[in-house]
Protein backbone atom coordinates (compact mmCIF):
# COMPACT_ATOMS: atom_id res chain seq x y z
CA UNK A 1 -29.65 13.07 -3.22
CA UNK A 2 -29.85 13.38 -7.01
CA UNK A 3 -31.30 16.90 -6.78
CA UNK A 4 -28.51 17.99 -4.44
CA UNK A 5 -25.93 16.53 -6.79
CA UNK A 6 -27.45 18.37 -9.77
CA UNK A 7 -27.44 21.67 -7.87
CA UNK A 8 -23.81 21.12 -6.95
CA UNK A 9 -22.89 20.35 -10.58
CA UNK A 10 -24.77 23.48 -11.73
CA UNK A 11 -23.02 25.70 -9.21
CA UNK A 12 -19.52 24.62 -10.22
CA UNK A 13 -19.30 26.73 -13.44
CA UNK A 14 -20.54 29.80 -11.56
CA UNK A 15 -17.95 29.29 -8.83
CA UNK A 16 -15.16 28.80 -11.37
CA UNK A 17 -16.19 32.00 -13.19
CA UNK A 18 -16.26 33.94 -9.90
CA UNK A 19 -12.76 32.69 -9.07
CA UNK A 20 -11.43 33.81 -12.48
CA UNK A 21 -13.04 37.24 -12.10
CA UNK A 22 -11.54 37.64 -8.63
CA UNK A 23 -8.14 36.56 -9.95
CA UNK A 24 -8.19 39.25 -12.66
CA UNK A 25 -9.40 41.90 -10.20
CA UNK A 26 -6.55 40.93 -7.86
CA UNK A 27 -4.05 41.33 -10.71
CA UNK A 28 -5.48 44.78 -11.47
CA UNK A 29 -5.16 45.74 -7.80
CA UNK A 30 -1.51 44.66 -7.74
CA UNK A 31 -0.75 46.64 -10.93
CA UNK A 32 -2.32 49.79 -9.47
CA UNK A 33 -0.59 49.33 -6.11
CA UNK A 34 2.75 48.81 -7.82
CA UNK A 35 2.33 52.06 -9.75
CA UNK A 36 1.41 54.00 -6.61
CA UNK A 37 4.45 52.62 -4.79
CA UNK A 38 6.67 53.66 -7.70
CA UNK A 39 5.19 57.18 -7.68
CA UNK A 40 5.63 57.47 -3.90
CA UNK A 41 9.39 57.01 -4.24
CA UNK A 42 9.71 59.25 -7.31
CA UNK A 43 10.94 62.82 -7.19
CA UNK A 44 8.03 65.17 -6.54
CA UNK A 45 8.54 66.92 -9.90
CA UNK A 46 8.31 63.55 -11.72
CA UNK A 47 4.82 62.77 -10.36
CA UNK A 48 2.75 63.69 -13.42
CA UNK A 49 -0.32 62.50 -15.32
CA UNK A 50 0.23 59.62 -17.70
CA UNK A 51 -1.42 57.08 -19.92
CA UNK A 52 -3.27 55.36 -21.13
CA UNK A 53 -0.59 52.69 -20.96
CA UNK A 54 -1.25 49.15 -22.16
CA UNK A 55 -0.17 46.31 -19.89
CA UNK A 56 -0.69 42.72 -21.00
CA UNK A 57 -0.74 40.04 -18.31
CA UNK A 58 -0.78 36.33 -19.12
CA UNK A 59 -2.54 33.99 -16.70
CA UNK A 60 -2.75 30.21 -16.80
CA UNK A 61 -5.88 28.44 -15.59
CA UNK A 62 -6.01 24.63 -15.76
CA UNK A 63 -3.17 24.62 -18.29
CA UNK A 64 -4.88 27.16 -20.57
CA UNK A 65 -2.95 30.39 -21.16
CA UNK A 66 -4.88 33.66 -21.54
CA UNK A 67 -3.57 37.19 -22.05
CA UNK A 68 -5.54 39.96 -20.38
CA UNK A 69 -4.97 43.48 -21.72
CA UNK A 70 -5.17 46.23 -19.08
CA UNK A 71 -5.14 49.97 -19.69
CA UNK A 72 -3.54 52.06 -16.93
CA UNK A 73 -4.04 55.80 -16.52
CA UNK A 74 -2.66 58.04 -13.80
CA UNK A 75 -4.29 61.36 -13.01
CA UNK A 76 -2.45 63.92 -10.91
CA UNK A 77 -4.04 66.97 -9.31
CA UNK A 78 -2.11 69.65 -7.44
CA UNK A 79 -3.96 70.06 -4.14
CA UNK A 80 -1.75 72.78 -2.72
CA UNK A 81 1.86 73.86 -2.81
CA UNK A 82 3.89 70.74 -2.21
CA UNK A 83 0.95 68.30 -2.29
CA UNK A 84 -0.38 66.25 -5.21
CA UNK A 85 -3.33 63.86 -5.35
CA UNK A 86 -2.73 60.79 -7.53
CA UNK A 87 -5.40 58.46 -8.91
CA UNK A 88 -4.32 55.31 -10.78
CA UNK A 89 -7.10 53.68 -12.83
CA UNK A 90 -6.99 50.30 -14.54
CA UNK A 91 -9.55 49.30 -17.17
CA UNK A 92 -10.04 45.90 -18.80
CA UNK A 93 -12.74 43.82 -20.42
CA UNK A 94 -13.80 40.48 -19.01
CA UNK A 95 -16.64 38.31 -20.33
CA UNK A 96 -17.68 41.17 -22.66
CA UNK A 97 -18.04 43.53 -19.68
CA UNK A 98 -15.96 46.63 -19.08
CA UNK A 99 -14.28 46.51 -15.69
CA UNK A 100 -12.32 49.14 -13.80
CA UNK A 101 -10.50 49.66 -10.55
CA UNK A 102 -8.79 52.70 -9.08
CA UNK A 103 -6.51 53.46 -6.15
CA UNK A 104 -5.65 56.92 -4.83
CA UNK A 105 -2.97 58.50 -2.69
CA UNK A 106 -1.40 61.83 -1.90
CA UNK A 107 2.24 62.65 -2.61
CA UNK A 108 3.95 65.40 -0.63
CA UNK A 109 7.10 67.30 -1.49
CA UNK A 110 9.73 66.56 1.10
CA UNK A 111 12.03 69.39 2.05
CA UNK A 112 14.63 68.38 4.67
């Protein structure tokens, strides 16, 4: 029983760290998705490369506030006439490790 209890106590900090890492990755995903959605409703001519853009997000865990600085970059490649490929990349540092996430989409010129 005591050994099981000690293993459980030892696993708690690892689980808490994994939850915090997942929380930050989820925030990064939402930031990238939000940017892609904004680009998808923009005029075709306005879809252009941009960044890096700093975005600070404050999270609160167990009453402790922490600001996480993200860097967002959007790359745009013209695939063909009327079609652009967009890649939104977010970079951040967590626990002294560089982290990144990217989402991609295509944006087409609509001609009614």
